[in-house]
PDB file of N, CA and C in Angstrom:
ATOM      1  N   SER A   1      20.383 -25.372  39.221  1.00  0.00           N
ATOM      2  CA  SER A   1      21.480 -25.865  38.399  1.00  0.00           C
ATOM      3  C   SER A   1      22.695 -26.181  39.263  1.00  0.00           C
ATOM      4  N   GLY A   2      23.784 -26.614  38.640  1.00  0.00           N
ATOM      5  CA  GLY A   2      24.988 -26.969  39.378  1.00  0.00           C
ATOM      6  C   GLY A   2      25.585 -25.791  40.113  1.00  0.00           C
ATOM      7  N   ALA A   3      25.579 -24.618  39.480  1.00  0.00           N
ATOM      8  CA  ALA A   3      26.161 -23.435  40.118  1.00  0.00           C
ATOM      9  C   ALA A   3      25.395 -23.096  41.392  1.00  0.00           C
ATOM     10  N   ARG A   4      24.085 -23.137  41.317  1.00  0.00           N
ATOM     11  CA  ARG A   4      23.252 -22.826  42.475  1.00  0.00           C
ATOM     12  C   ARG A   4      23.572 -23.798  43.615  1.00  0.00           C
ATOM     13  N   TYR A   5      23.744 -25.067  43.275  1.00  0.00           N
ATOM     14  CA  TYR A   5      24.052 -26.098  44.261  1.00  0.00           C
ATOM     15  C   TYR A   5      25.365 -25.788  44.974  1.00  0.00           C
ATOM     16  N   CYS A   6      26.363 -25.377  44.212  1.00  0.00           N
ATOM     17  CA  CYS A   6      27.655 -25.025  44.803  1.00  0.00           C
ATOM     18  C   CYS A   6      27.514 -23.851  45.753  1.00  0.00           C
ATOM     19  N   TYR A   7      26.766 -22.828  45.320  1.00  0.00           N
ATOM     20  CA  TYR A   7      26.618 -21.644  46.168  1.00  0.00           C
ATOM     21  C   TYR A   7      25.856 -21.979  47.442  1.00  0.00           C
ATOM     22  N   ASP A   8      24.900 -22.892  47.352  1.00  0.00           N
ATOM     23  CA  ASP A   8      24.166 -23.292  48.549  1.00  0.00           C
ATOM     24  C   ASP A   8      25.094 -24.002  49.536  1.00  0.00           C
ATOM     25  N   ARG A   9      25.997 -24.801  49.021  1.00  0.00           N
ATOM     26  CA  ARG A   9      26.898 -25.549  49.896  1.00  0.00           C
ATOM     27  C   ARG A   9      28.020 -24.670  50.425  1.00  0.00           C
ATOM     28  N   PHE A  10      28.480 -23.723  49.610  1.00  0.00           N
ATOM     29  CA  PHE A  10      29.591 -22.865  50.004  1.00  0.00           C
ATOM     30  C   PHE A  10      29.181 -21.399  49.889  1.00  0.00           C
ATOM     31  N   PRO A  11      28.490 -20.876  50.884  1.00  0.00           N
ATOM     32  CA  PRO A  11      28.035 -19.483  50.830  1.00  0.00           C
ATOM     33  C   PRO A  11      29.219 -18.526  50.726  1.00  0.00           C
ATOM     34  N   ALA A  12      29.088 -17.541  49.852  1.00  0.00           N
ATOM     35  CA  ALA A  12      30.193 -16.618  49.599  1.00  0.00           C
ATOM     36  C   ALA A  12      30.554 -15.827  50.856  1.00  0.00           C
ATOM     37  N   ASN A  13      29.558 -15.510  51.686  1.00  0.00           N
ATOM     38  CA  ASN A  13      29.821 -14.672  52.856  1.00  0.00           C
ATOM     39  C   ASN A  13      30.610 -15.424  53.930  1.00  0.00           C
ATOM     40  N   VAL A  14      30.711 -16.744  53.816  1.00  0.00           N
ATOM     41  CA  VAL A  14      31.461 -17.535  54.789  1.00  0.00           C
ATOM     42  C   VAL A  14      32.930 -17.641  54.363  1.00  0.00           C
ATOM     43  N   ARG A  15      33.187 -17.423  53.085  1.00  0.00           N
ATOM     44  CA  ARG A  15      34.525 -17.599  52.543  1.00  0.00           C
ATOM     45  C   ARG A  15      35.496 -16.549  53.068  1.00  0.00           C
ATOM     46  N   THR A  16      36.666 -17.020  53.430  1.00  0.00           N
ATOM     47  CA  THR A  16      37.751 -16.096  53.748  1.00  0.00           C
ATOM     48  C   THR A  16      38.747 -16.114  52.600  1.00  0.00           C
ATOM     49  N   GLU A  17      39.652 -15.167  52.617  1.00  0.00           N
ATOM     50  CA  GLU A  17      40.652 -15.110  51.551  1.00  0.00           C
ATOM     51  C   GLU A  17      41.502 -16.383  51.554  1.00  0.00           C
ATOM     52  N   GLU A  18      41.807 -16.872  52.744  1.00  0.00           N
ATOM     53  CA  GLU A  18      42.615 -18.093  52.859  1.00  0.00           C
ATOM     54  C   GLU A  18      41.892 -19.285  52.243  1.00  0.00           C
ATOM     55  N   GLN A  19      40.599 -19.404  52.547  1.00  0.00           N
ATOM     56  CA  GLN A  19      39.813 -20.502  51.985  1.00  0.00           C
ATOM     57  C   GLN A  19      39.749 -20.396  50.467  1.00  0.00           C
ATOM     58  N   GLU A  20      39.609 -19.162  49.969  1.00  0.00           N
ATOM     59  CA  GLU A  20      39.542 -18.941  48.527  1.00  0.00           C
ATOM     60  C   GLU A  20      40.842 -19.385  47.857  1.00  0.00           C
ATOM     61  N   GLU A  21      41.972 -19.035  48.465  1.00  0.00           N
ATOM     62  CA  GLU A  21      43.269 -19.443  47.921  1.00  0.00           C
ATOM     63  C   GLU A  21      43.386 -20.967  47.902  1.00  0.00           C
ATOM     64  N   ARG A  22      42.967 -21.596  48.993  1.00  0.00           N
ATOM     65  CA  ARG A  22      43.042 -23.057  49.082  1.00  0.00           C
ATOM     66  C   ARG A  22      42.144 -23.696  48.019  1.00  0.00           C
ATOM     67  N   ARG A  23      40.956 -23.121  47.849  1.00  0.00           N
ATOM     68  CA  ARG A  23      40.014 -23.650  46.863  1.00  0.00           C
ATOM     69  C   ARG A  23      40.599 -23.540  45.459  1.00  0.00           C
ATOM     70  N   LYS A  24      41.235 -22.417  45.166  1.00  0.00           N
ATOM     71  CA  LYS A  24      41.848 -22.243  43.846  1.00  0.00           C
ATOM     72  C   LYS A  24      42.959 -23.260  43.630  1.00  0.00           C
ATOM     73  N   ALA A  25      43.756 -23.493  44.692  1.00  0.00           N
ATOM     74  CA  ALA A  25      44.852 -24.450  44.590  1.00  0.00           C
ATOM     75  C   ALA A  25      44.313 -25.858  44.334  1.00  0.00           C
ATOM     76  N   ILE A  26      43.236 -26.208  45.042  1.00  0.00           N
ATOM     77  CA  ILE A  26      42.622 -27.526  44.870  1.00  0.00           C
ATOM     78  C   ILE A  26      42.056 -27.665  43.458  1.00  0.00           C
ATOM     79  N   LEU A  27      41.375 -26.626  42.982  1.00  0.00           N
ATOM     80  CA  LEU A  27      40.825 -26.659  41.630  1.00  0.00           C
ATOM     81  C   LEU A  27      41.935 -26.807  40.597  1.00  0.00           C
ATOM     82  N   ALA A  28      43.025 -26.076  40.790  1.00  0.00           N
ATOM     83  CA  ALA A  28      44.141 -26.148  39.857  1.00  0.00           C
ATOM     84  C   ALA A  28      44.746 -27.553  39.856  1.00  0.00           C
ATOM     85  N   ALA A  29      44.912 -28.122  41.052  1.00  0.00           N
ATOM     86  CA  ALA A  29      45.470 -29.467  41.166  1.00  0.00           C
ATOM     87  C   ALA A  29      44.538 -30.491  40.523  1.00  0.00           C
ATOM     88  N   ALA A  30      43.243 -30.338  40.765  1.00  0.00           N
ATOM     89  CA  ALA A  30      42.268 -31.283  40.225  1.00  0.00           C
ATOM     90  C   ALA A  30      42.230 -31.210  38.703  1.00  0.00           C
ATOM     91  N   SER A  31      42.185 -30.006  38.155  1.00  0.00           N
ATOM     92  CA  SER A  31      42.128 -29.870  36.703  1.00  0.00           C
ATOM     93  C   SER A  31      43.438 -30.343  36.078  1.00  0.00           C
ATOM     94  N   GLY A  32      44.546 -30.093  36.766  1.00  0.00           N
ATOM     95  CA  GLY A  32      45.829 -30.571  36.277  1.00  0.00           C
ATOM     96  C   GLY A  32      45.878 -32.093  36.252  1.00  0.00           C
ATOM     97  N   ALA A  33      45.341 -32.733  37.283  1.00  0.00           N
ATOM     98  CA  ALA A  33      45.325 -34.191  37.357  1.00  0.00           C
ATOM     99  C   ALA A  33      44.444 -34.764  36.252  1.00  0.00           C
ATOM    100  N   LEU A  34      43.294 -34.156  36.032  1.00  0.00           N
ATOM    101  CA  LEU A  34      42.391 -34.621  34.977  1.00  0.00           C
ATOM    102  C   LEU A  34      43.048 -34.472  33.609  1.00  0.00           C
ATOM    103  N   GLU A  35      43.713 -33.342  33.410  1.00  0.00           N
ATOM    104  CA  GLU A  35      44.386 -33.097  32.144  1.00  0.00           C
ATOM    105  C   GLU A  35      45.474 -34.143  31.927  1.00  0.00           C
ATOM    106  N   TYR A  36      46.225 -34.423  32.983  1.00  0.00           N
ATOM    107  CA  TYR A  36      47.305 -35.403  32.922  1.00  0.00           C
ATOM    108  C   TYR A  36      46.748 -36.786  32.578  1.00  0.00           C
ATOM    109  N   GLN A  37      45.672 -37.170  33.254  1.00  0.00           N
ATOM    110  CA  GLN A  37      45.067 -38.478  33.004  1.00  0.00           C
ATOM    111  C   GLN A  37      44.592 -38.591  31.563  1.00  0.00           C
ATOM    112  N   SER A  38      43.846 -37.591  31.087  1.00  0.00           N
ATOM    113  CA  SER A  38      43.277 -37.685  29.749  1.00  0.00           C
ATOM    114  C   SER A  38      44.377 -37.682  28.691  1.00  0.00           C
ATOM    115  N   ARG A  39      45.493 -37.011  28.993  1.00  0.00           N
ATOM    116  CA  ARG A  39      46.577 -36.954  28.027  1.00  0.00           C
ATOM    117  C   ARG A  39      47.326 -38.282  27.958  1.00  0.00           C
ATOM    118  N   HIS A  40      47.335 -39.034  29.052  1.00  0.00           N
ATOM    119  CA  HIS A  40      48.161 -40.237  29.117  1.00  0.00           C
ATOM    120  C   HIS A  40      47.367 -41.536  29.071  1.00  0.00           C
ATOM    121  N   THR A  41      46.064 -41.450  28.939  1.00  0.00           N
ATOM    122  CA  THR A  41      45.292 -42.685  28.785  1.00  0.00           C
ATOM    123  C   THR A  41      45.341 -43.124  27.328  1.00  0.00           C
ATOM    124  N   PRO A  42      45.422 -44.419  27.064  1.00  0.00           N
ATOM    125  CA  PRO A  42      45.520 -44.929  25.691  1.00  0.00           C
ATOM    126  C   PRO A  42      44.233 -44.718  24.908  1.00  0.00           C
TER     127      PRO A  42
END
């Protein structure tokens, strides 16, 4: 499934706290951008 694919590409044991923070920031920015787009499209 999609989750398995993500874990294969980004193994948890390779993640550092810094990478995790960056990933969260990117996810937040991406979801915010999507929300903004869907709210403002006609």
